Amino acid sequence: MIILGIDPGLAKTGCGVVTMRANQPKVLTYGVISTKTDQSLANRLKIIYNDIRNLCREYKPSVAAIESIFFAANVKTAVAVAQARGVAILATEESGMELAEYSPLQIKQAIVGYGRASKNQIQEMVRILLSLDKTPRPDHAADALAVALTHAFRMKLRGGYRAS
């Protein structure tokens, strides 16, 4: 199973593609889709949409996993993230894959085992779980890998895939 993890954001959308081989998660690629504040909103959203579509075409994931939005105070940021999240969801839907959504709490519990884990703890566990030499950077890319791993672990617990 190939899983596309997405950490949505307007300035930086983290993306990570993970597969399970012999019950061991392996990273295929990760990075960020960056947009600039001097670009129009429509152009920024189009960049996110097109880049996710390109990832889907290249790696052919069967499922996308995306972080749900959780903002308590900053409405402006929440709206921008929601717009980026919307085009990411559209890109995955048009690519014909199913979509799973996970809250930050669910991701922290799946990766670290503790719902109040710090960013550094999550990043270090992503590094360990994927047998990487160094922590994935930037942070949004590591977060996207964490989302993909969360889905992989959930599917494994449910017996929803057969690892090769």
C-alpha atoms as a PDB file:
ATOM      1  CA  MET A   1       0.000   0.000   0.000  1.00  0.00           C
ATOM      2  CA  ILE A   2       1.284   3.449  -0.926  1.00  0.00           C
ATOM      3  CA  ILE A   3       0.058   6.319   1.238  1.00  0.00           C
ATOM      4  CA  LEU A   4       0.260  10.042   0.536  1.00  0.00           C
ATOM      5  CA  GLY A   5       0.402  12.067   3.749  1.00  0.00           C
ATOM      6  CA  ILE A   6      -0.537  15.739   3.631  1.00  0.00           C
ATOM      7  CA  ASP A   7       0.035  18.487   6.199  1.00  0.00           C
ATOM      8  CA  PRO A   8      -1.994  21.347   4.678  1.00  0.00           C
ATOM      9  CA  GLY A   9      -0.921  24.970   4.712  1.00  0.00           C
ATOM     10  CA  LEU A  10      -1.090  27.915   2.342  1.00  0.00           C
ATOM     11  CA  ALA A  11       2.580  28.957   2.582  1.00  0.00           C
ATOM     12  CA  LYS A  12       3.867  25.398   2.978  1.00  0.00           C
ATOM     13  CA  THR A  13       1.976  22.172   2.424  1.00  0.00           C
ATOM     14  CA  GLY A  14       3.914  19.172   3.650  1.00  0.00           C
ATOM     15  CA  CYS A  15       3.759  15.999   1.563  1.00  0.00           C
ATOM     16  CA  GLY A  16       5.167  12.566   2.248  1.00  0.00           C
ATOM     17  CA  VAL A  17       4.741   9.280   0.417  1.00  0.00           C
ATOM     18  CA  VAL A  18       5.183   6.065   2.390  1.00  0.00           C
ATOM     19  CA  THR A  19       4.833   2.394   1.538  1.00  0.00           C
ATOM     20  CA  MET A  20       4.784  -0.702   3.722  1.00  0.00           C
ATOM     21  CA  ARG A  21       7.246  -3.448   2.839  1.00  0.00           C
ATOM     22  CA  ALA A  22       7.678  -6.534   4.981  1.00  0.00           C
ATOM     23  CA  ASN A  23       5.766  -4.811   7.794  1.00  0.00           C
ATOM     24  CA  GLN A  24       8.283  -1.966   7.730  1.00  0.00           C
ATOM     25  CA  PRO A  25       7.302   1.526   6.582  1.00  0.00           C
ATOM     26  CA  LYS A  26       9.569   2.959   3.884  1.00  0.00           C
ATOM     27  CA  VAL A  27       9.663   6.537   2.675  1.00  0.00           C
ATOM     28  CA  LEU A  28       9.417   7.066  -1.065  1.00  0.00           C
ATOM     29  CA  THR A  29       9.631  10.860  -1.021  1.00  0.00           C
ATOM     30  CA  TYR A  30       8.860  13.887   1.121  1.00  0.00           C
ATOM     31  CA  GLY A  31       9.030  17.652   0.939  1.00  0.00           C
ATOM     32  CA  VAL A  32       6.924  20.777   0.863  1.00  0.00           C
ATOM     33  CA  ILE A  33       4.889  22.659  -1.676  1.00  0.00           C
ATOM     34  CA  SER A  34       5.805  26.308  -1.110  1.00  0.00           C
ATOM     35  CA  THR A  35       3.873  29.367  -2.192  1.00  0.00           C
ATOM     36  CA  LYS A  36       4.776  33.026  -1.781  1.00  0.00           C
ATOM     37  CA  THR A  37       2.745  35.757  -0.160  1.00  0.00           C
ATOM     38  CA  ASP A  38       3.152  38.020  -3.199  1.00  0.00           C
ATOM     39  CA  GLN A  39       1.242  35.515  -5.356  1.00  0.00           C
ATOM     40  CA  SER A  40      -2.542  35.732  -5.689  1.00  0.00           C
ATOM     41  CA  LEU A  41      -4.584  33.383  -3.531  1.00  0.00           C
ATOM     42  CA  ALA A  42      -5.904  31.638  -6.635  1.00  0.00           C
ATOM     43  CA  ASN A  43      -2.377  31.069  -7.935  1.00  0.00           C
ATOM     44  CA  ARG A  44      -1.180  29.729  -4.582  1.00  0.00           C
ATOM     45  CA  LEU A  45      -4.071  27.269  -4.417  1.00  0.00           C
ATOM     46  CA  LYS A  46      -3.466  26.201  -8.014  1.00  0.00           C
ATOM     47  CA  ILE A  47       0.189  25.443  -7.202  1.00  0.00           C
ATOM     48  CA  ILE A  48      -0.823  23.246  -4.267  1.00  0.00           C
ATOM     49  CA  TYR A  49      -3.456  21.468  -6.348  1.00  0.00           C
ATOM     50  CA  ASN A  50      -1.124  20.853  -9.316  1.00  0.00           C
ATOM     51  CA  ASP A  51       1.785  19.643  -7.187  1.00  0.00           C
ATOM     52  CA  ILE A  52      -0.391  17.168  -5.297  1.00  0.00           C
ATOM     53  CA  ARG A  53      -1.838  15.915  -8.575  1.00  0.00           C
ATOM     54  CA  ASN A  54       1.718  15.441  -9.875  1.00  0.00           C
ATOM     55  CA  LEU A  55       2.666  13.445  -6.750  1.00  0.00           C
ATOM     56  CA  CYS A  56      -0.409  11.282  -7.279  1.00  0.00           C
ATOM     57  CA  ARG A  57       0.511  10.640 -10.900  1.00  0.00           C
ATOM     58  CA  GLU A  58       4.129   9.823 -10.092  1.00  0.00           C
ATOM     59  CA  TYR A  59       3.703   7.587  -7.021  1.00  0.00           C
ATOM     60  CA  LYS A  60       0.142   6.309  -7.576  1.00  0.00           C
ATOM     61  CA  PRO A  61      -0.889   6.130  -3.911  1.00  0.00           C
ATOM     62  CA  SER A  62      -4.033   4.192  -3.153  1.00  0.00           C
ATOM     63  CA  VAL A  63      -4.955   6.409  -0.219  1.00  0.00           C
ATOM     64  CA  ALA A  64      -4.304   9.923   1.012  1.00  0.00           C
ATOM     65  CA  ALA A  65      -4.191  10.834   4.684  1.00  0.00           C
ATOM     66  CA  ILE A  66      -4.594  14.468   5.671  1.00  0.00           C
ATOM     67  CA  GLU A  67      -4.387  16.316   8.952  1.00  0.00           C
ATOM     68  CA  SER A  68      -7.647  17.864  10.066  1.00  0.00           C
ATOM     69  CA  ILE A  69      -7.670  21.525  11.002  1.00  0.00           C
ATOM     70  CA  PHE A  70      -7.360  22.531  14.634  1.00  0.00           C
ATOM     71  CA  PHE A  71      -7.044  26.211  15.417  1.00  0.00           C
ATOM     72  CA  ALA A  72      -8.384  27.767  18.574  1.00  0.00           C
ATOM     73  CA  ALA A  73      -7.598  31.451  18.099  1.00  0.00           C
ATOM     74  CA  ASN A  74      -6.350  32.574  14.691  1.00  0.00           C
ATOM     75  CA  VAL A  75      -9.301  32.627  12.292  1.00  0.00           C
ATOM     76  CA  LYS A  76      -7.291  34.131   9.416  1.00  0.00           C
ATOM     77  CA  THR A  77      -4.768  31.291   9.548  1.00  0.00           C
ATOM     78  CA  ALA A  78      -7.549  28.708   9.879  1.00  0.00           C
ATOM     79  CA  VAL A  79      -9.265  30.002   6.721  1.00  0.00           C
ATOM     80  CA  ALA A  80      -6.009  29.926   4.720  1.00  0.00           C
ATOM     81  CA  VAL A  81      -5.250  26.382   5.871  1.00  0.00           C
ATOM     82  CA  ALA A  82      -8.831  25.330   5.117  1.00  0.00           C
ATOM     83  CA  GLN A  83      -8.514  26.628   1.562  1.00  0.00           C
ATOM     84  CA  ALA A  84      -5.219  24.783   1.024  1.00  0.00           C
ATOM     85  CA  ARG A  85      -6.736  21.683   2.590  1.00  0.00           C
ATOM     86  CA  GLY A  86      -9.717  21.930   0.250  1.00  0.00           C
ATOM     87  CA  VAL A  87      -7.639  21.937  -2.929  1.00  0.00           C
ATOM     88  CA  ALA A  88      -5.504  19.098  -1.552  1.00  0.00           C
ATOM     89  CA  ILE A  89      -8.648  17.049  -0.943  1.00  0.00           C
ATOM     90  CA  LEU A  90      -9.912  17.873  -4.435  1.00  0.00           C
ATOM     91  CA  ALA A  91      -6.603  16.796  -5.997  1.00  0.00           C
ATOM     92  CA  THR A  92      -6.683  13.441  -4.200  1.00  0.00           C
ATOM     93  CA  GLU A  93     -10.358  12.890  -5.046  1.00  0.00           C
ATOM     94  CA  GLU A  94      -9.746  13.583  -8.718  1.00  0.00           C
ATOM     95  CA  SER A  95      -6.864  11.124  -8.594  1.00  0.00           C
ATOM     96  CA  GLY A  96      -9.332   8.446  -7.528  1.00  0.00           C
ATOM     97  CA  MET A  97      -8.014   7.621  -4.094  1.00  0.00           C
ATOM     98  CA  GLU A  98      -9.761   7.272  -0.801  1.00  0.00           C
ATOM     99  CA  LEU A  99      -9.135   9.887   1.879  1.00  0.00           C
ATOM    100  CA  ALA A 100      -8.516   9.448   5.592  1.00  0.00           C
ATOM    101  CA  GLU A 101      -8.465  12.354   8.035  1.00  0.00           C
ATOM    102  CA  TYR A 102      -6.644  12.456  11.357  1.00  0.00           C
ATOM    103  CA  SER A 103      -6.624  15.028  14.118  1.00  0.00           C
ATOM    104  CA  PRO A 104      -3.344  16.260  15.586  1.00  0.00           C
ATOM    105  CA  LEU A 105      -4.168  14.269  18.753  1.00  0.00           C
ATOM    106  CA  GLN A 106      -4.657  11.039  16.766  1.00  0.00           C
ATOM    107  CA  ILE A 107      -1.366  11.585  14.935  1.00  0.00           C
ATOM    108  CA  LYS A 108       0.586  12.240  18.143  1.00  0.00           C
ATOM    109  CA  GLN A 109      -0.904   9.159  19.786  1.00  0.00           C
ATOM    110  CA  ALA A 110      -0.142   6.939  16.778  1.00  0.00           C
ATOM    111  CA  ILE A 111       3.443   8.140  16.341  1.00  0.00           C
ATOM    112  CA  VAL A 112       4.612   8.831  19.895  1.00  0.00           C
ATOM    113  CA  GLY A 113       1.951   7.170  22.042  1.00  0.00           C
ATOM    114  CA  TYR A 114       1.176  10.431  23.826  1.00  0.00           C
ATOM    115  CA  GLY A 115      -1.400  13.011  22.731  1.00  0.00           C
ATOM    116  CA  ARG A 116       0.578  15.980  24.032  1.00  0.00           C
ATOM    117  CA  ALA A 117       3.858  15.033  22.360  1.00  0.00           C
ATOM    118  CA  SER A 118       6.077  17.890  21.210  1.00  0.00           C
ATOM    119  CA  LYS A 119       6.981  18.594  17.577  1.00  0.00           C
ATOM    120  CA  ASN A 120      10.526  17.410  18.299  1.00  0.00           C
ATOM    121  CA  GLN A 121       9.268  14.112  19.717  1.00  0.00           C
ATOM    122  CA  ILE A 122       7.115  13.504  16.645  1.00  0.00           C
ATOM    123  CA  GLN A 123       9.951  14.342  14.268  1.00  0.00           C
ATOM    124  CA  GLU A 124      12.382  12.059  16.083  1.00  0.00           C
ATOM    125  CA  MET A 125       9.905   9.161  16.050  1.00  0.00           C
ATOM    126  CA  VAL A 126       9.257   9.701  12.322  1.00  0.00           C
ATOM    127  CA  ARG A 127      13.030   9.500  11.787  1.00  0.00           C
ATOM    128  CA  ILE A 128      13.266   6.277  13.813  1.00  0.00           C
ATOM    129  CA  LEU A 129      10.158   4.634  12.312  1.00  0.00           C
ATOM    130  CA  LEU A 130      11.363   5.311   8.768  1.00  0.00           C
ATOM    131  CA  SER A 131      15.002   4.386   9.531  1.00  0.00           C
ATOM    132  CA  LEU A 132      16.237   7.765   8.319  1.00  0.00           C
ATOM    133  CA  ASP A 133      19.721   9.077   9.072  1.00  0.00           C
ATOM    134  CA  LYS A 134      18.407  12.503   9.995  1.00  0.00           C
ATOM    135  CA  THR A 135      15.158  14.161  10.910  1.00  0.00           C
ATOM    136  CA  PRO A 136      13.059  15.028   7.858  1.00  0.00           C
ATOM    137  CA  ARG A 137      13.073  18.756   7.136  1.00  0.00           C
ATOM    138  CA  PRO A 138      11.295  21.072   6.916  1.00  0.00           C
ATOM    139  CA  ASP A 139       8.862  20.491   9.772  1.00  0.00           C
ATOM    140  CA  HIS A 140       5.831  20.332   7.459  1.00  0.00           C
ATOM    141  CA  ALA A 141       7.396  17.428   5.555  1.00  0.00           C
ATOM    142  CA  ALA A 142       7.985  15.510   8.790  1.00  0.00           C
ATOM    143  CA  ASP A 143       4.384  16.211   9.793  1.00  0.00           C
ATOM    144  CA  ALA A 144       3.138  14.857   6.454  1.00  0.00           C
ATOM    145  CA  LEU A 145       5.158  11.675   6.959  1.00  0.00           C
ATOM    146  CA  ALA A 146       3.623  11.366  10.439  1.00  0.00           C
ATOM    147  CA  VAL A 147       0.134  11.587   8.913  1.00  0.00           C
ATOM    148  CA  ALA A 148       0.989   8.870   6.378  1.00  0.00           C
ATOM    149  CA  LEU A 149       2.454   6.656   9.108  1.00  0.00           C
ATOM    150  CA  THR A 150      -0.650   7.167  11.239  1.00  0.00           C
ATOM    151  CA  HIS A 151      -2.782   5.784   8.439  1.00  0.00           C
ATOM    152  CA  ALA A 152      -0.386   2.880   7.840  1.00  0.00           C
ATOM    153  CA  PHE A 153      -0.515   1.909  11.512  1.00  0.00           C
ATOM    154  CA  ARG A 154      -4.317   2.228  11.634  1.00  0.00           C
ATOM    155  CA  MET A 155      -4.669   0.000   8.573  1.00  0.00           C
ATOM    156  CA  LYS A 156      -2.234  -2.529   9.996  1.00  0.00           C
ATOM    157  CA  LEU A 157      -4.236  -2.718  13.234  1.00  0.00           C
ATOM    158  CA  ARG A 158      -7.435  -3.229  11.255  1.00  0.00           C
ATOM    159  CA  GLY A 159      -5.820  -5.845   9.012  1.00  0.00           C
ATOM    160  CA  GLY A 160      -6.673  -3.597   6.066  1.00  0.00           C
ATOM    161  CA  TYR A 161      -3.618  -4.326   3.937  1.00  0.00           C
ATOM    162  CA  ARG A 162      -1.178  -7.085   3.297  1.00  0.00           C
ATOM    163  CA  ALA A 163       2.441  -6.022   3.597  1.00  0.00           C
ATOM    164  CA  SER A 164       4.713  -7.464   0.944  1.00  0.00           C
END
